[in-house]
């Protein structure tokens, strides 16, 4: 026996919409945890080892964050529910002849690295992305782990960091 459920909106018992389906079959999950941020300085930025990518005074939200909270005092993005999260970071560095490294951490444990060896006074792009399994209340942060350039990052549209729940 098969059945068909014909609904446009699925809500929990409290009335919060968890899922909508439009007439074309497109699904929207408005409460799905997500955040996408950038750095407010639209120029080159010199970081030191241990510096967070953004702080409370430099964060720019590129979308309205849903569920994921940010603590600007320590650079932590706290996750609201357990699940698998897609994490992505991109940036670029300028000048020098040593290495620049950024790390993505889950509760202070390195999960991904973005690394570039500088070769003169040029902009060098770098990025990393992947899936992190987390429990509710864990946090993700991104920080500098190798400061071997004249400028270890850039702001504006030249860098960004995003997290979203995939399942």
Foldseek 3Di string as FASTA:
>chain_A
DDDDDDDQFDDDPVRHTQWGADPVRDIDGVQWFKWKWWFQFQFFAADDAPDFRAAPVTIDTPDPGHQWDAHRVRQKTFHAAWAKKKKKKKWKAFAAFAKWKKFKDKQPHGDDMWMDGDDGGDIDMTMDIDIDGDGGGIIITMGIHDRGGPGNGGTDPRIMMMMTGDD
